[in-house]
Amino acid sequence: MGSNLQEQFSDQFNDVVSRLQSKQLFQSDWDIASFAIFFIFIGMVLLLVILVLIRCCCCCCCDDEKPRRQKVGIENMALEP
């Protein structure tokens, strides 16, 4: 079992090295599309994480300086019991 796993790993490693040497990393258009979709997904996740961190930092730092909102309008006394 261990030798079979080692052979598979070495075959995949040799395949990657041969692709790098031939400068032909992708075999088909599907490889290119899946690679692009993967990096777009990773980019969106990183963008969302950065936005969350910015939001948290701004809320923590600026929360004390903001005055609280006040209610606007007239209170409806007819709804009181």
PDB file of N, CA and C in Angstrom:
ATOM      1  N   MET A   1       0.824  -1.180   0.000  1.00  0.00           N
ATOM      2  CA  MET A   1       0.000   0.000   0.000  1.00  0.00           C
ATOM      3  C   MET A   1       0.870   1.247   0.000  1.00  0.00           C
ATOM      4  N   GLY A   2       1.894   1.278   0.840  1.00  0.00           N
ATOM      5  CA  GLY A   2       2.778   2.439   0.915  1.00  0.00           C
ATOM      6  C   GLY A   2       3.563   2.642  -0.372  1.00  0.00           C
ATOM      7  N   SER A   3       4.003   1.534  -0.993  1.00  0.00           N
ATOM      8  CA  SER A   3       4.768   1.668  -2.236  1.00  0.00           C
ATOM      9  C   SER A   3       3.864   2.141  -3.370  1.00  0.00           C
ATOM     10  N   ASN A   4       2.593   1.691  -3.369  1.00  0.00           N
ATOM     11  CA  ASN A   4       1.644   2.118  -4.393  1.00  0.00           C
ATOM     12  C   ASN A   4       1.391   3.626  -4.283  1.00  0.00           C
ATOM     13  N   LEU A   5       1.235   4.120  -3.069  1.00  0.00           N
ATOM     14  CA  LEU A   5       1.033   5.543  -2.835  1.00  0.00           C
ATOM     15  C   LEU A   5       2.272   6.330  -3.247  1.00  0.00           C
ATOM     16  N   GLN A   6       3.431   5.785  -2.949  1.00  0.00           N
ATOM     17  CA  GLN A   6       4.684   6.443  -3.307  1.00  0.00           C
ATOM     18  C   GLN A   6       4.841   6.482  -4.830  1.00  0.00           C
ATOM     19  N   GLU A   7       4.463   5.427  -5.512  1.00  0.00           N
ATOM     20  CA  GLU A   7       4.532   5.404  -6.975  1.00  0.00           C
ATOM     21  C   GLU A   7       3.581   6.419  -7.588  1.00  0.00           C
ATOM     22  N   GLN A   8       2.366   6.519  -7.045  1.00  0.00           N
ATOM     23  CA  GLN A   8       1.406   7.494  -7.557  1.00  0.00           C
ATOM     24  C   GLN A   8       1.912   8.916  -7.352  1.00  0.00           C
ATOM     25  N   PHE A   9       2.466   9.158  -6.184  1.00  0.00           N
ATOM     26  CA  PHE A   9       3.002  10.484  -5.904  1.00  0.00           C
ATOM     27  C   PHE A   9       4.149  10.827  -6.842  1.00  0.00           C
ATOM     28  N   SER A  10       5.048   9.875  -7.040  1.00  0.00           N
ATOM     29  CA  SER A  10       6.188  10.146  -7.925  1.00  0.00           C
ATOM     30  C   SER A  10       5.730  10.315  -9.374  1.00  0.00           C
ATOM     31  N   ASP A  11       4.699   9.559  -9.798  1.00  0.00           N
ATOM     32  CA  ASP A  11       4.167   9.734 -11.152  1.00  0.00           C
ATOM     33  C   ASP A  11       3.549  11.128 -11.334  1.00  0.00           C
ATOM     34  N   GLN A  12       2.795  11.555 -10.339  1.00  0.00           N
ATOM     35  CA  GLN A  12       2.193  12.894 -10.429  1.00  0.00           C
ATOM     36  C   GLN A  12       3.264  13.973 -10.396  1.00  0.00           C
ATOM     37  N   PHE A  13       4.267  13.786  -9.560  1.00  0.00           N
ATOM     38  CA  PHE A  13       5.359  14.757  -9.486  1.00  0.00           C
ATOM     39  C   PHE A  13       6.107  14.828 -10.817  1.00  0.00           C
ATOM     40  N   ASN A  14       6.384  13.667 -11.410  1.00  0.00           N
ATOM     41  CA  ASN A  14       7.073  13.654 -12.700  1.00  0.00           C
ATOM     42  C   ASN A  14       6.219  14.289 -13.792  1.00  0.00           C
ATOM     43  N   ASP A  15       4.900  14.095 -13.721  1.00  0.00           N
ATOM     44  CA  ASP A  15       3.994  14.705 -14.693  1.00  0.00           C
ATOM     45  C   ASP A  15       4.028  16.225 -14.576  1.00  0.00           C
ATOM     46  N   VAL A  16       4.015  16.731 -13.352  1.00  0.00           N
ATOM     47  CA  VAL A  16       4.071  18.185 -13.141  1.00  0.00           C
ATOM     48  C   VAL A  16       5.400  18.746 -13.632  1.00  0.00           C
ATOM     49  N   VAL A  17       6.486  18.056 -13.321  1.00  0.00           N
ATOM     50  CA  VAL A  17       7.806  18.521 -13.745  1.00  0.00           C
ATOM     51  C   VAL A  17       7.907  18.520 -15.275  1.00  0.00           C
ATOM     52  N   SER A  18       7.386  17.482 -15.917  1.00  0.00           N
ATOM     53  CA  SER A  18       7.445  17.442 -17.379  1.00  0.00           C
ATOM     54  C   SER A  18       6.588  18.540 -18.006  1.00  0.00           C
ATOM     55  N   ARG A  19       5.447  18.857 -17.391  1.00  0.00           N
ATOM     56  CA  ARG A  19       4.613  19.959 -17.903  1.00  0.00           C
ATOM     57  C   ARG A  19       5.321  21.287 -17.737  1.00  0.00           C
ATOM     58  N   LEU A  20       5.997  21.465 -16.608  1.00  0.00           N
ATOM     59  CA  LEU A  20       6.735  22.710 -16.398  1.00  0.00           C
ATOM     60  C   LEU A  20       7.877  22.853 -17.385  1.00  0.00           C
ATOM     61  N   GLN A  21       8.556  21.761 -17.693  1.00  0.00           N
ATOM     62  CA  GLN A  21       9.666  21.811 -18.640  1.00  0.00           C
ATOM     63  C   GLN A  21       9.179  22.086 -20.053  1.00  0.00           C
ATOM     64  N   SER A  22       8.025  21.543 -20.416  1.00  0.00           N
ATOM     65  CA  SER A  22       7.498  21.760 -21.764  1.00  0.00           C
ATOM     66  C   SER A  22       6.691  23.055 -21.860  1.00  0.00           C
ATOM     67  N   LYS A  23       6.499  23.741 -20.730  1.00  0.00           N
ATOM     68  CA  LYS A  23       5.737  24.989 -20.658  1.00  0.00           C
ATOM     69  C   LYS A  23       4.312  24.813 -21.163  1.00  0.00           C
ATOM     70  N   GLN A  24       3.764  23.624 -21.003  1.00  0.00           N
ATOM     71  CA  GLN A  24       2.379  23.350 -21.367  1.00  0.00           C
ATOM     72  C   GLN A  24       1.683  22.809 -20.121  1.00  0.00           C
ATOM     73  N   LEU A  25       1.214  23.756 -19.280  1.00  0.00           N
ATOM     74  CA  LEU A  25       0.661  23.367 -17.993  1.00  0.00           C
ATOM     75  C   LEU A  25      -0.743  22.788 -18.116  1.00  0.00           C
ATOM     76  N   PHE A  26      -1.502  23.231 -19.107  1.00  0.00           N
ATOM     77  CA  PHE A  26      -2.883  22.806 -19.230  1.00  0.00           C
ATOM     78  C   PHE A  26      -3.047  21.945 -20.473  1.00  0.00           C
ATOM     79  N   GLN A  27      -3.797  20.858 -20.322  1.00  0.00           N
ATOM     80  CA  GLN A  27      -3.986  19.946 -21.439  1.00  0.00           C
ATOM     81  C   GLN A  27      -5.187  20.320 -22.285  1.00  0.00           C
ATOM     82  N   SER A  28      -6.172  20.987 -21.689  1.00  0.00           N
ATOM     83  CA  SER A  28      -7.383  21.319 -22.447  1.00  0.00           C
ATOM     84  C   SER A  28      -7.943  22.652 -21.963  1.00  0.00           C
ATOM     85  N   ASP A  29      -8.989  23.095 -22.645  1.00  0.00           N
ATOM     86  CA  ASP A  29      -9.644  24.335 -22.250  1.00  0.00           C
ATOM     87  C   ASP A  29     -10.347  24.180 -20.899  1.00  0.00           C
ATOM     88  N   TRP A  30     -10.782  22.962 -20.595  1.00  0.00           N
ATOM     89  CA  TRP A  30     -11.428  22.721 -19.305  1.00  0.00           C
ATOM     90  C   TRP A  30     -10.448  22.936 -18.152  1.00  0.00           C
ATOM     91  N   ASP A  31      -9.197  22.580 -18.350  1.00  0.00           N
ATOM     92  CA  ASP A  31      -8.181  22.812 -17.322  1.00  0.00           C
ATOM     93  C   ASP A  31      -8.020  24.304 -17.064  1.00  0.00           C
ATOM     94  N   ILE A  32      -7.986  25.076 -18.134  1.00  0.00           N
ATOM     95  CA  ILE A  32      -7.836  26.532 -18.001  1.00  0.00           C
ATOM     96  C   ILE A  32      -9.057  27.125 -17.308  1.00  0.00           C
ATOM     97  N   ALA A  33     -10.247  26.678 -17.698  1.00  0.00           N
ATOM     98  CA  ALA A  33     -11.476  27.207 -17.106  1.00  0.00           C
ATOM     99  C   ALA A  33     -11.568  26.861 -15.622  1.00  0.00           C
ATOM    100  N   SER A  34     -11.249  25.633 -15.273  1.00  0.00           N
ATOM    101  CA  SER A  34     -11.331  25.246 -13.859  1.00  0.00           C
ATOM    102  C   SER A  34     -10.285  25.993 -13.030  1.00  0.00           C
ATOM    103  N   PHE A  35      -9.109  26.213 -13.600  1.00  0.00           N
ATOM    104  CA  PHE A  35      -8.061  26.976 -12.922  1.00  0.00           C
ATOM    105  C   PHE A  35      -8.524  28.411 -12.685  1.00  0.00           C
ATOM    106  N   ALA A  36      -9.139  29.026 -13.697  1.00  0.00           N
ATOM    107  CA  ALA A  36      -9.626  30.398 -13.567  1.00  0.00           C
ATOM    108  C   ALA A  36     -10.749  30.482 -12.538  1.00  0.00           C
ATOM    109  N   ILE A  37     -11.684  29.551 -12.573  1.00  0.00           N
ATOM    110  CA  ILE A  37     -12.796  29.557 -11.612  1.00  0.00           C
ATOM    111  C   ILE A  37     -12.281  29.376 -10.190  1.00  0.00           C
ATOM    112  N   PHE A  38     -11.300  28.505 -10.022  1.00  0.00           N
ATOM    113  CA  PHE A  38     -10.719  28.287  -8.699  1.00  0.00           C
ATOM    114  C   PHE A  38     -10.093  29.570  -8.159  1.00  0.00           C
ATOM    115  N   PHE A  39      -9.327  30.268  -8.985  1.00  0.00           N
ATOM    116  CA  PHE A  39      -8.683  31.488  -8.511  1.00  0.00           C
ATOM    117  C   PHE A  39      -9.672  32.629  -8.319  1.00  0.00           C
ATOM    118  N   ILE A  40     -10.738  32.677  -9.102  1.00  0.00           N
ATOM    119  CA  ILE A  40     -11.774  33.675  -8.875  1.00  0.00           C
ATOM    120  C   ILE A  40     -12.452  33.417  -7.526  1.00  0.00           C
ATOM    121  N   PHE A  41     -12.729  32.152  -7.227  1.00  0.00           N
ATOM    122  CA  PHE A  41     -13.339  31.798  -5.942  1.00  0.00           C
ATOM    123  C   PHE A  41     -12.431  32.189  -4.779  1.00  0.00           C
ATOM    124  N   ILE A  42     -11.154  31.838  -4.881  1.00  0.00           N
ATOM    125  CA  ILE A  42     -10.205  32.175  -3.815  1.00  0.00           C
ATOM    126  C   ILE A  42     -10.095  33.692  -3.671  1.00  0.00           C
ATOM    127  N   GLY A  43     -10.083  34.414  -4.784  1.00  0.00           N
ATOM    128  CA  GLY A  43     -10.013  35.871  -4.741  1.00  0.00           C
ATOM    129  C   GLY A  43     -11.231  36.485  -4.067  1.00  0.00           C
ATOM    130  N   MET A  44     -12.410  35.954  -4.351  1.00  0.00           N
ATOM    131  CA  MET A  44     -13.625  36.476  -3.727  1.00  0.00           C
ATOM    132  C   MET A  44     -13.634  36.205  -2.226  1.00  0.00           C
ATOM    133  N   VAL A  45     -13.183  35.027  -1.833  1.00  0.00           N
ATOM    134  CA  VAL A  45     -13.117  34.709  -0.401  1.00  0.00           C
ATOM    135  C   VAL A  45     -12.149  35.656   0.304  1.00  0.00           C
ATOM    136  N   LEU A  46     -10.996  35.895  -0.294  1.00  0.00           N
ATOM    137  CA  LEU A  46     -10.032  36.815   0.309  1.00  0.00           C
ATOM    138  C   LEU A  46     -10.578  38.235   0.366  1.00  0.00           C
ATOM    139  N   LEU A  47     -11.278  38.661  -0.679  1.00  0.00           N
ATOM    140  CA  LEU A  47     -11.873  39.992  -0.690  1.00  0.00           C
ATOM    141  C   LEU A  47     -12.907  40.141   0.424  1.00  0.00           C
ATOM    142  N   LEU A  48     -13.753  39.128   0.605  1.00  0.00           N
ATOM    143  CA  LEU A  48     -14.751  39.188   1.671  1.00  0.00           C
ATOM    144  C   LEU A  48     -14.102  39.207   3.056  1.00  0.00           C
ATOM    145  N   VAL A  49     -13.041  38.433   3.235  1.00  0.00           N
ATOM    146  CA  VAL A  49     -12.336  38.434   4.525  1.00  0.00           C
ATOM    147  C   VAL A  49     -11.735  39.813   4.792  1.00  0.00           C
ATOM    148  N   ILE A  50     -11.140  40.428   3.780  1.00  0.00           N
ATOM    149  CA  ILE A  50     -10.559  41.761   3.947  1.00  0.00           C
ATOM    150  C   ILE A  50     -11.645  42.781   4.285  1.00  0.00           C
ATOM    151  N   LEU A  51     -12.796  42.686   3.596  1.00  0.00           N
ATOM    152  CA  LEU A  51     -13.891  43.612   3.893  1.00  0.00           C
ATOM    153  C   LEU A  51     -14.419  43.437   5.314  1.00  0.00           C
ATOM    154  N   VAL A  52     -14.515  42.205   5.776  1.00  0.00           N
ATOM    155  CA  VAL A  52     -14.960  41.959   7.147  1.00  0.00           C
ATOM    156  C   VAL A  52     -13.957  42.525   8.140  1.00  0.00           C
ATOM    157  N   LEU A  53     -12.670  42.337   7.887  1.00  0.00           N
ATOM    158  CA  LEU A  53     -11.649  42.877   8.791  1.00  0.00           C
ATOM    159  C   LEU A  53     -11.691  44.395   8.821  1.00  0.00           C
ATOM    160  N   ILE A  54     -11.871  45.021   7.665  1.00  0.00           N
ATOM    161  CA  ILE A  54     -11.962  46.484   7.617  1.00  0.00           C
ATOM    162  C   ILE A  54     -13.182  46.955   8.395  1.00  0.00           C
ATOM    163  N   ARG A  55     -14.310  46.262   8.197  1.00  0.00           N
ATOM    164  CA  ARG A  55     -15.547  46.640   8.903  1.00  0.00           C
ATOM    165  C   ARG A  55     -15.368  46.494  10.412  1.00  0.00           C
ATOM    166  N   CYS A  56     -14.761  45.402  10.841  1.00  0.00           N
ATOM    167  CA  CYS A  56     -14.559  45.193  12.285  1.00  0.00           C
ATOM    168  C   CYS A  56     -13.624  46.238  12.868  1.00  0.00           C
ATOM    169  N   CYS A  57     -12.551  46.550  12.154  1.00  0.00           N
ATOM    170  CA  CYS A  57     -11.595  47.542  12.655  1.00  0.00           C
ATOM    171  C   CYS A  57     -12.235  48.924  12.730  1.00  0.00           C
ATOM    172  N   CYS A  58     -13.017  49.283  11.722  1.00  0.00           N
ATOM    173  CA  CYS A  58     -13.656  50.595  11.730  1.00  0.00           C
ATOM    174  C   CYS A  58     -14.720  50.691  12.816  1.00  0.00           C
ATOM    175  N   CYS A  59     -15.470  49.619  13.031  1.00  0.00           N
ATOM    176  CA  CYS A  59     -16.512  49.647  14.063  1.00  0.00           C
ATOM    177  C   CYS A  59     -15.900  49.706  15.457  1.00  0.00           C
ATOM    178  N   CYS A  60     -14.816  49.001  15.668  1.00  0.00           N
ATOM    179  CA  CYS A  60     -14.194  48.984  16.991  1.00  0.00           C
ATOM    180  C   CYS A  60     -13.547  50.319  17.314  1.00  0.00           C
ATOM    181  N   CYS A  61     -12.901  50.925  16.331  1.00  0.00           N
ATOM    182  CA  CYS A  61     -12.175  52.172  16.576  1.00  0.00           C
ATOM    183  C   CYS A  61     -13.113  53.374  16.622  1.00  0.00           C
ATOM    184  N   CYS A  62     -14.089  53.412  15.743  1.00  0.00           N
ATOM    185  CA  CYS A  62     -14.921  54.605  15.584  1.00  0.00           C
ATOM    186  C   CYS A  62     -16.227  54.522  16.364  1.00  0.00           C
ATOM    187  N   ASP A  63     -16.486  53.447  17.056  1.00  0.00           N
ATOM    188  CA  ASP A  63     -17.771  53.258  17.718  1.00  0.00           C
ATOM    189  C   ASP A  63     -17.969  54.264  18.849  1.00  0.00           C
ATOM    190  N   ASP A  64     -16.912  54.613  19.560  1.00  0.00           N
ATOM    191  CA  ASP A  64     -17.033  55.528  20.688  1.00  0.00           C
ATOM    192  C   ASP A  64     -17.282  56.959  20.230  1.00  0.00           C
ATOM    193  N   GLU A  65     -16.809  57.333  19.078  1.00  0.00           N
ATOM    194  CA  GLU A  65     -16.905  58.703  18.619  1.00  0.00           C
ATOM    195  C   GLU A  65     -18.260  59.024  17.986  1.00  0.00           C
ATOM    196  N   LYS A  66     -18.992  58.029  17.518  1.00  0.00           N
ATOM    197  CA  LYS A  66     -20.272  58.251  16.850  1.00  0.00           C
ATOM    198  C   LYS A  66     -21.366  58.533  17.867  1.00  0.00           C
ATOM    199  N   PRO A  67     -22.151  59.581  17.634  1.00  0.00           N
ATOM    200  CA  PRO A  67     -23.321  59.752  18.491  1.00  0.00           C
ATOM    201  C   PRO A  67     -24.395  58.752  18.086  1.00  0.00           C
ATOM    202  N   ARG A  68     -25.162  58.299  19.057  1.00  0.00           N
ATOM    203  CA  ARG A  68     -26.213  57.324  18.780  1.00  0.00           C
ATOM    204  C   ARG A  68     -27.350  57.996  18.031  1.00  0.00           C
ATOM    205  N   ARG A  69     -28.048  57.217  17.212  1.00  0.00           N
ATOM    206  CA  ARG A  69     -29.190  57.733  16.463  1.00  0.00           C
ATOM    207  C   ARG A  69     -30.330  58.062  17.417  1.00  0.00           C
ATOM    208  N   GLN A  70     -31.033  59.119  17.082  1.00  0.00           N
ATOM    209  CA  GLN A  70     -32.205  59.475  17.852  1.00  0.00           C
ATOM    210  C   GLN A  70     -33.435  59.145  17.023  1.00  0.00           C
ATOM    211  N   LYS A  71     -34.528  58.835  17.692  1.00  0.00           N
ATOM    212  CA  LYS A  71     -35.758  58.542  16.988  1.00  0.00           C
ATOM    213  C   LYS A  71     -36.278  59.805  16.321  1.00  0.00           C
ATOM    214  N   VAL A  72     -36.786  59.604  15.125  1.00  0.00           N
ATOM    215  CA  VAL A  72     -37.336  60.721  14.374  1.00  0.00           C
ATOM    216  C   VAL A  72     -38.820  60.470  14.196  1.00  0.00           C
ATOM    217  N   GLY A  73     -39.615  61.490  14.397  1.00  0.00           N
ATOM    218  CA  GLY A  73     -41.055  61.351  14.173  1.00  0.00           C
ATOM    219  C   GLY A  73     -41.831  61.545  15.460  1.00  0.00           C
ATOM    220  N   ILE A  74     -43.105  61.267  15.363  1.00  0.00           N
ATOM    221  CA  ILE A  74     -44.009  61.459  16.488  1.00  0.00           C
ATOM    222  C   ILE A  74     -44.408  60.095  17.025  1.00  0.00           C
ATOM    223  N   GLU A  75     -44.430  59.985  18.354  1.00  0.00           N
ATOM    224  CA  GLU A  75     -44.834  58.729  18.964  1.00  0.00           C
ATOM    225  C   GLU A  75     -46.357  58.646  18.944  1.00  0.00           C
ATOM    226  N   ASN A  76     -46.858  57.512  18.479  1.00  0.00           N
ATOM    227  CA  ASN A  76     -48.304  57.329  18.354  1.00  0.00           C
ATOM    228  C   ASN A  76     -48.851  56.915  19.721  1.00  0.00           C
ATOM    229  N   MET A  77     -49.538  57.837  20.370  1.00  0.00           N
ATOM    230  CA  MET A  77     -50.076  57.571  21.703  1.00  0.00           C
ATOM    231  C   MET A  77     -51.321  56.673  21.650  1.00  0.00           C
ATOM    232  N   ALA A  78     -51.946  56.536  20.487  1.00  0.00           N
ATOM    233  CA  ALA A  78     -53.149  55.724  20.354  1.00  0.00           C
ATOM    234  C   ALA A  78     -52.821  54.244  20.527  1.00  0.00           C
ATOM    235  N   LEU A  79     -51.562  53.877  20.328  1.00  0.00           N
ATOM    236  CA  LEU A  79     -51.169  52.483  20.454  1.00  0.00           C
ATOM    237  C   LEU A  79     -50.883  52.088  21.889  1.00  0.00           C
ATOM    238  N   GLU A  80     -50.860  53.052  22.785  1.00  0.00           N
ATOM    239  CA  GLU A  80     -50.595  52.778  24.211  1.00  0.00           C
ATOM    240  C   GLU A  80     -51.811  52.079  24.813  1.00  0.00           C
ATOM    241  N   PRO A  81     -51.641  51.149  25.741  1.00  0.00           N
ATOM    242  CA  PRO A  81     -52.800  50.464  26.356  1.00  0.00           C
ATOM    243  C   PRO A  81     -53.535  51.336  27.346  1.00  0.00           C
TER     244      PRO A  81
END
